[in-house]
Amino acid sequence: MPVRSLSSSVLKWPEAEAVVAELHRWAEAIGPARKELLRVGYFGSCARGNWGVGSDLDVILIVESSPDPFPLRAARWDLSGLPVPCDVLVYTQEEWERIERRGHGFGPIRWIWSRPLADARGD
C-alpha cells in the first residue's frame, strides 16, 4: 500500500512498473497452485500509461471455469498483498472468448502471465 514518510505528510505512491512487477510475481506464485487460472492481465490507467497517485490496478483473470456467478468470483482471489488497491474481474475462458468477439471495450490490456499450453491441456 502507499506509505507515508515519517518526516513528511506526503504519501508516496508506487510507480506503475513496480506494481506490474508485483502482479507478475503474484501470478507466478499463484498460477501453479490454482490450475483453473489461465491468464492474468491488467487494463485501465496502468495499461494506458496515465497511472498516477491514487490509481488502482484493474486486473483481469481468465479461468477455465467457475462455479460462482460473475459478481462473486473476485472474492476467491486474494490480491491484498499488492501495493495498491485492485479491481479484479474474473471471466471464464468461454465468457472471455465471447467478449473478445464482440469487442471488449476495456482499452489496452497488457497480458503478463499465461499458463503454458501443455499445462492447460493437462499434458
N, C-alpha and C. Protein backbone atom coordinates (compact mmCIF):
# COMPACT_ATOMS: atom_id res chain seq x y z
N MET A 1 0.84 -1.17 0.00
CA MET A 1 0.00 0.00 0.00
C MET A 1 0.89 1.24 0.00
N PRO A 2 0.34 2.35 -0.37
CA PRO A 2 1.10 3.58 -0.33
C PRO A 2 1.60 3.83 1.09
N VAL A 3 2.76 4.44 1.23
CA VAL A 3 3.33 4.66 2.55
C VAL A 3 3.55 6.14 2.79
N ARG A 4 3.45 6.53 4.04
CA ARG A 4 3.70 7.90 4.45
C ARG A 4 5.12 7.98 4.99
N SER A 5 5.87 8.93 4.51
CA SER A 5 7.21 9.18 5.01
C SER A 5 7.10 9.69 6.45
N LEU A 6 8.00 9.25 7.32
CA LEU A 6 7.96 9.68 8.71
C LEU A 6 8.24 11.18 8.86
N SER A 7 8.98 11.74 7.91
CA SER A 7 9.33 13.16 8.02
C SER A 7 8.47 14.05 7.14
N SER A 8 7.43 13.51 6.55
CA SER A 8 6.62 14.28 5.63
C SER A 8 5.17 13.82 5.69
N SER A 9 4.27 14.72 5.33
CA SER A 9 2.86 14.34 5.27
C SER A 9 2.47 13.88 3.87
N VAL A 10 3.45 13.75 2.99
CA VAL A 10 3.20 13.36 1.61
C VAL A 10 3.20 11.85 1.48
N LEU A 11 2.17 11.32 0.82
CA LEU A 11 2.14 9.89 0.53
C LEU A 11 2.99 9.59 -0.69
N LYS A 12 3.71 8.49 -0.63
CA LYS A 12 4.49 8.05 -1.79
C LYS A 12 3.71 6.93 -2.46
N TRP A 13 3.30 7.15 -3.68
CA TRP A 13 2.55 6.14 -4.42
C TRP A 13 3.54 5.36 -5.26
N PRO A 14 3.41 4.04 -5.33
CA PRO A 14 4.37 3.25 -6.11
C PRO A 14 4.28 3.55 -7.61
N GLU A 15 5.41 3.42 -8.27
CA GLU A 15 5.45 3.57 -9.73
C GLU A 15 4.69 2.41 -10.37
N ALA A 16 4.13 2.66 -11.54
CA ALA A 16 3.36 1.63 -12.26
C ALA A 16 4.19 0.39 -12.51
N GLU A 17 5.45 0.56 -12.88
CA GLU A 17 6.31 -0.59 -13.19
C GLU A 17 6.48 -1.49 -11.97
N ALA A 18 6.59 -0.89 -10.78
CA ALA A 18 6.73 -1.69 -9.56
C ALA A 18 5.45 -2.46 -9.26
N VAL A 19 4.31 -1.84 -9.51
CA VAL A 19 3.03 -2.50 -9.27
C VAL A 19 2.85 -3.67 -10.24
N VAL A 20 3.18 -3.46 -11.51
CA VAL A 20 3.06 -4.53 -12.51
C VAL A 20 4.02 -5.67 -12.16
N ALA A 21 5.22 -5.35 -11.71
CA ALA A 21 6.18 -6.39 -11.31
C ALA A 21 5.61 -7.22 -10.16
N GLU A 22 4.95 -6.56 -9.21
CA GLU A 22 4.33 -7.29 -8.10
C GLU A 22 3.18 -8.17 -8.58
N LEU A 23 2.39 -7.68 -9.53
CA LEU A 23 1.31 -8.50 -10.10
C LEU A 23 1.89 -9.72 -10.80
N HIS A 24 2.98 -9.53 -11.52
CA HIS A 24 3.62 -10.65 -12.20
C HIS A 24 4.13 -11.67 -11.19
N ARG A 25 4.76 -11.21 -10.10
CA ARG A 25 5.22 -12.14 -9.06
C ARG A 25 4.03 -12.90 -8.44
N TRP A 26 2.94 -12.18 -8.23
CA TRP A 26 1.74 -12.82 -7.68
C TRP A 26 1.27 -13.93 -8.61
N ALA A 27 1.20 -13.63 -9.92
CA ALA A 27 0.73 -14.61 -10.90
C ALA A 27 1.67 -15.82 -10.96
N GLU A 28 2.97 -15.57 -10.93
CA GLU A 28 3.94 -16.67 -10.97
C GLU A 28 3.82 -17.57 -9.74
N ALA A 29 3.47 -16.98 -8.61
CA ALA A 29 3.34 -17.75 -7.37
C ALA A 29 2.01 -18.49 -7.31
N ILE A 30 0.93 -17.85 -7.73
CA ILE A 30 -0.41 -18.44 -7.59
C ILE A 30 -0.74 -19.40 -8.73
N GLY A 31 -0.19 -19.16 -9.91
CA GLY A 31 -0.51 -19.96 -11.09
C GLY A 31 -0.35 -21.46 -10.89
N PRO A 32 0.80 -21.92 -10.39
CA PRO A 32 0.98 -23.36 -10.20
C PRO A 32 -0.01 -23.97 -9.20
N ALA A 33 -0.42 -23.19 -8.23
CA ALA A 33 -1.33 -23.70 -7.20
C ALA A 33 -2.79 -23.67 -7.62
N ARG A 34 -3.14 -22.78 -8.51
CA ARG A 34 -4.53 -22.62 -8.94
C ARG A 34 -4.63 -23.00 -10.41
N LYS A 35 -4.83 -24.28 -10.66
CA LYS A 35 -4.81 -24.81 -12.03
C LYS A 35 -5.90 -24.22 -12.93
N GLU A 36 -6.95 -23.67 -12.35
CA GLU A 36 -8.00 -23.08 -13.18
C GLU A 36 -7.58 -21.75 -13.80
N LEU A 37 -6.54 -21.13 -13.25
CA LEU A 37 -6.08 -19.83 -13.76
C LEU A 37 -5.35 -20.02 -15.09
N LEU A 38 -5.83 -19.31 -16.13
CA LEU A 38 -5.25 -19.43 -17.47
C LEU A 38 -4.44 -18.20 -17.88
N ARG A 39 -4.93 -17.00 -17.53
CA ARG A 39 -4.25 -15.77 -17.93
C ARG A 39 -4.44 -14.69 -16.88
N VAL A 40 -3.45 -13.80 -16.82
CA VAL A 40 -3.52 -12.65 -15.93
C VAL A 40 -3.14 -11.42 -16.75
N GLY A 41 -3.95 -10.39 -16.64
CA GLY A 41 -3.65 -9.15 -17.35
C GLY A 41 -4.13 -7.96 -16.55
N TYR A 42 -3.78 -6.78 -17.04
CA TYR A 42 -4.25 -5.56 -16.41
C TYR A 42 -4.66 -4.56 -17.49
N PHE A 43 -5.52 -3.65 -17.13
CA PHE A 43 -6.03 -2.64 -18.06
C PHE A 43 -6.20 -1.34 -17.29
N GLY A 44 -6.84 -0.37 -17.86
CA GLY A 44 -7.08 0.88 -17.17
C GLY A 44 -5.89 1.82 -17.25
N SER A 45 -5.77 2.70 -16.26
CA SER A 45 -4.75 3.74 -16.30
C SER A 45 -3.34 3.19 -16.37
N CYS A 46 -3.09 2.08 -15.72
CA CYS A 46 -1.75 1.49 -15.77
C CYS A 46 -1.41 1.02 -17.18
N ALA A 47 -2.34 0.41 -17.86
CA ALA A 47 -2.11 -0.07 -19.23
C ALA A 47 -2.08 1.08 -20.23
N ARG A 48 -2.84 2.13 -19.97
CA ARG A 48 -2.87 3.28 -20.88
C ARG A 48 -1.66 4.18 -20.72
N GLY A 49 -0.99 4.09 -19.57
CA GLY A 49 0.18 4.93 -19.33
C GLY A 49 -0.12 6.23 -18.63
N ASN A 50 -1.31 6.38 -18.09
CA ASN A 50 -1.61 7.60 -17.35
C ASN A 50 -1.84 7.33 -15.86
N TRP A 51 -1.10 6.36 -15.34
CA TRP A 51 -1.10 5.99 -13.93
C TRP A 51 -0.65 7.18 -13.10
N GLY A 52 -1.23 7.37 -11.94
CA GLY A 52 -0.80 8.45 -11.06
C GLY A 52 -1.16 8.17 -9.62
N VAL A 53 -0.86 9.11 -8.77
CA VAL A 53 -1.17 8.98 -7.35
C VAL A 53 -2.66 8.71 -7.19
N GLY A 54 -2.97 7.69 -6.43
CA GLY A 54 -4.35 7.32 -6.18
C GLY A 54 -4.92 6.30 -7.15
N SER A 55 -4.17 5.97 -8.21
CA SER A 55 -4.67 4.97 -9.17
C SER A 55 -4.74 3.60 -8.53
N ASP A 56 -5.76 2.86 -8.91
CA ASP A 56 -5.82 1.46 -8.51
C ASP A 56 -5.35 0.62 -9.69
N LEU A 57 -5.24 -0.67 -9.49
CA LEU A 57 -4.84 -1.58 -10.55
C LEU A 57 -6.05 -2.39 -10.98
N ASP A 58 -6.40 -2.30 -12.25
CA ASP A 58 -7.52 -3.05 -12.81
C ASP A 58 -6.99 -4.35 -13.39
N VAL A 59 -7.42 -5.46 -12.82
CA VAL A 59 -6.87 -6.78 -13.15
C VAL A 59 -7.94 -7.64 -13.80
N ILE A 60 -7.54 -8.39 -14.82
CA ILE A 60 -8.41 -9.38 -15.45
C ILE A 60 -7.78 -10.75 -15.24
N LEU A 61 -8.57 -11.67 -14.71
CA LEU A 61 -8.16 -13.06 -14.58
C LEU A 61 -9.06 -13.89 -15.49
N ILE A 62 -8.46 -14.74 -16.29
CA ILE A 62 -9.22 -15.68 -17.11
C ILE A 62 -9.03 -17.06 -16.49
N VAL A 63 -10.14 -17.71 -16.18
CA VAL A 63 -10.11 -19.04 -15.58
C VAL A 63 -10.78 -20.04 -16.52
N GLU A 64 -10.43 -21.29 -16.36
CA GLU A 64 -11.02 -22.33 -17.20
C GLU A 64 -12.53 -22.38 -17.02
N SER A 65 -12.97 -22.40 -15.77
CA SER A 65 -14.39 -22.41 -15.45
C SER A 65 -14.55 -21.93 -14.02
N SER A 66 -15.79 -21.66 -13.63
CA SER A 66 -16.04 -21.23 -12.25
C SER A 66 -17.46 -21.64 -11.86
N PRO A 67 -17.61 -22.16 -10.64
CA PRO A 67 -18.95 -22.49 -10.17
C PRO A 67 -19.71 -21.26 -9.68
N ASP A 68 -19.00 -20.15 -9.51
CA ASP A 68 -19.59 -18.94 -8.94
C ASP A 68 -20.15 -18.01 -10.01
N PRO A 69 -21.20 -17.27 -9.68
CA PRO A 69 -21.67 -16.23 -10.60
C PRO A 69 -20.61 -15.12 -10.66
N PHE A 70 -20.61 -14.39 -11.76
CA PHE A 70 -19.59 -13.38 -12.01
C PHE A 70 -19.34 -12.44 -10.81
N PRO A 71 -20.38 -11.89 -10.18
CA PRO A 71 -20.13 -10.91 -9.10
C PRO A 71 -19.39 -11.48 -7.89
N LEU A 72 -19.39 -12.79 -7.71
CA LEU A 72 -18.76 -13.39 -6.53
C LEU A 72 -17.36 -13.94 -6.79
N ARG A 73 -16.95 -14.02 -8.03
CA ARG A 73 -15.68 -14.68 -8.37
C ARG A 73 -14.44 -13.98 -7.80
N ALA A 74 -14.41 -12.68 -7.82
CA ALA A 74 -13.21 -11.96 -7.38
C ALA A 74 -12.87 -12.26 -5.93
N ALA A 75 -13.87 -12.60 -5.12
CA ALA A 75 -13.62 -12.88 -3.70
C ALA A 75 -12.73 -14.09 -3.49
N ARG A 76 -12.63 -14.96 -4.48
CA ARG A 76 -11.78 -16.15 -4.36
C ARG A 76 -10.30 -15.87 -4.65
N TRP A 77 -9.97 -14.65 -5.02
CA TRP A 77 -8.61 -14.29 -5.41
C TRP A 77 -8.08 -13.19 -4.51
N ASP A 78 -7.08 -13.51 -3.72
CA ASP A 78 -6.52 -12.56 -2.76
C ASP A 78 -5.36 -11.79 -3.39
N LEU A 79 -5.61 -10.56 -3.73
CA LEU A 79 -4.56 -9.69 -4.25
C LEU A 79 -4.20 -8.61 -3.23
N SER A 80 -4.54 -8.83 -1.98
CA SER A 80 -4.30 -7.83 -0.94
C SER A 80 -2.81 -7.58 -0.70
N GLY A 81 -1.94 -8.46 -1.15
CA GLY A 81 -0.51 -8.26 -0.99
C GLY A 81 0.09 -7.29 -1.99
N LEU A 82 -0.68 -6.89 -2.99
CA LEU A 82 -0.17 -5.93 -3.97
C LEU A 82 -0.12 -4.53 -3.33
N PRO A 83 0.76 -3.68 -3.84
CA PRO A 83 1.00 -2.40 -3.17
C PRO A 83 -0.07 -1.33 -3.36
N VAL A 84 -1.11 -1.59 -4.14
CA VAL A 84 -2.21 -0.64 -4.33
C VAL A 84 -3.52 -1.42 -4.34
N PRO A 85 -4.64 -0.75 -4.15
CA PRO A 85 -5.93 -1.43 -4.26
C PRO A 85 -6.14 -1.96 -5.68
N CYS A 86 -6.86 -3.07 -5.78
CA CYS A 86 -7.11 -3.69 -7.09
C CYS A 86 -8.61 -3.88 -7.31
N ASP A 87 -9.02 -3.67 -8.54
CA ASP A 87 -10.34 -4.09 -9.01
C ASP A 87 -10.09 -5.33 -9.85
N VAL A 88 -10.74 -6.43 -9.51
CA VAL A 88 -10.47 -7.70 -10.17
C VAL A 88 -11.73 -8.18 -10.90
N LEU A 89 -11.58 -8.48 -12.19
CA LEU A 89 -12.64 -9.07 -12.99
C LEU A 89 -12.21 -10.48 -13.35
N VAL A 90 -13.07 -11.46 -13.06
CA VAL A 90 -12.73 -12.86 -13.32
C VAL A 90 -13.73 -13.40 -14.34
N TYR A 91 -13.21 -13.77 -15.50
CA TYR A 91 -14.03 -14.33 -16.58
C TYR A 91 -13.61 -15.77 -16.85
N THR A 92 -14.58 -16.60 -17.22
CA THR A 92 -14.22 -17.93 -17.69
C THR A 92 -13.68 -17.78 -19.11
N GLN A 93 -12.97 -18.79 -19.57
CA GLN A 93 -12.43 -18.76 -20.93
C GLN A 93 -13.54 -18.58 -21.96
N GLU A 94 -14.63 -19.28 -21.78
CA GLU A 94 -15.76 -19.19 -22.70
C GLU A 94 -16.35 -17.77 -22.72
N GLU A 95 -16.53 -17.19 -21.54
CA GLU A 95 -17.05 -15.82 -21.46
C GLU A 95 -16.10 -14.84 -22.15
N TRP A 96 -14.80 -15.00 -21.90
CA TRP A 96 -13.82 -14.08 -22.48
C TRP A 96 -13.80 -14.18 -24.01
N GLU A 97 -13.91 -15.38 -24.53
CA GLU A 97 -13.94 -15.55 -26.00
C GLU A 97 -15.14 -14.82 -26.59
N ARG A 98 -16.30 -14.90 -25.93
CA ARG A 98 -17.48 -14.17 -26.41
C ARG A 98 -17.26 -12.66 -26.34
N ILE A 99 -16.68 -12.20 -25.25
CA ILE A 99 -16.41 -10.76 -25.08
C ILE A 99 -15.45 -10.27 -26.15
N GLU A 100 -14.42 -11.03 -26.43
CA GLU A 100 -13.45 -10.62 -27.46
C GLU A 100 -14.09 -10.57 -28.84
N ARG A 101 -14.98 -11.50 -29.14
CA ARG A 101 -15.64 -11.49 -30.45
C ARG A 101 -16.49 -10.23 -30.61
N ARG A 102 -17.11 -9.77 -29.55
CA ARG A 102 -17.95 -8.56 -29.60
C ARG A 102 -17.12 -7.29 -29.53
N GLY A 103 -15.90 -7.39 -29.04
CA GLY A 103 -15.07 -6.21 -28.79
C GLY A 103 -15.22 -5.83 -27.33
N HIS A 104 -14.17 -5.98 -26.56
CA HIS A 104 -14.28 -5.88 -25.11
C HIS A 104 -14.43 -4.46 -24.57
N GLY A 105 -13.91 -3.45 -25.22
CA GLY A 105 -14.08 -2.08 -24.75
C GLY A 105 -13.28 -1.70 -23.52
N PHE A 106 -12.33 -2.53 -23.11
CA PHE A 106 -11.50 -2.22 -21.94
C PHE A 106 -10.35 -1.30 -22.28
N GLY A 107 -10.14 -0.98 -23.53
CA GLY A 107 -8.93 -0.27 -23.92
C GLY A 107 -7.79 -1.27 -23.96
N PRO A 108 -6.56 -0.80 -23.90
CA PRO A 108 -5.46 -1.76 -23.97
C PRO A 108 -5.45 -2.68 -22.75
N ILE A 109 -5.19 -3.95 -23.03
CA ILE A 109 -4.99 -4.95 -21.97
C ILE A 109 -3.58 -5.46 -22.11
N ARG A 110 -2.85 -5.48 -21.03
CA ARG A 110 -1.48 -6.00 -21.01
C ARG A 110 -1.52 -7.36 -20.32
N TRP A 111 -1.35 -8.41 -21.11
CA TRP A 111 -1.33 -9.76 -20.56
C TRP A 111 0.08 -10.04 -20.07
N ILE A 112 0.19 -10.39 -18.80
CA ILE A 112 1.53 -10.57 -18.22
C ILE A 112 1.85 -12.01 -17.84
N TRP A 113 0.83 -12.86 -17.82
CA TRP A 113 1.06 -14.26 -17.46
C TRP A 113 0.02 -15.12 -18.14
N SER A 114 0.47 -16.25 -18.67
CA SER A 114 -0.43 -17.26 -19.24
C SER A 114 0.07 -18.63 -18.85
N ARG A 115 -0.87 -19.51 -18.60
CA ARG A 115 -0.49 -20.90 -18.32
C ARG A 115 0.08 -21.50 -19.59
N PRO A 116 1.21 -22.19 -19.49
CA PRO A 116 1.74 -22.87 -20.68
C PRO A 116 0.70 -23.83 -21.26
N LEU A 117 0.65 -23.93 -22.59
CA LEU A 117 -0.35 -24.76 -23.26
C LEU A 117 -0.37 -26.19 -22.76
N ALA A 118 0.80 -26.77 -22.53
CA ALA A 118 0.84 -28.16 -22.06
C ALA A 118 0.13 -28.29 -20.72
N ASP A 119 0.31 -27.30 -19.82
CA ASP A 119 -0.35 -27.33 -18.53
C ASP A 119 -1.85 -27.16 -18.68
N ALA A 120 -2.27 -26.27 -19.58
CA ALA A 120 -3.69 -26.01 -19.79
C ALA A 120 -4.42 -27.23 -20.34
N ARG A 121 -3.71 -28.03 -21.15
CA ARG A 121 -4.32 -29.23 -21.71
C ARG A 121 -4.23 -30.41 -20.77
N GLY A 122 -3.45 -30.27 -19.69
CA GLY A 122 -3.28 -31.37 -18.76
C GLY A 122 -2.22 -32.36 -19.19
N ASP A 123 -1.36 -31.97 -20.14
CA ASP A 123 -0.26 -32.84 -20.59
C ASP A 123 0.85 -32.91 -19.58
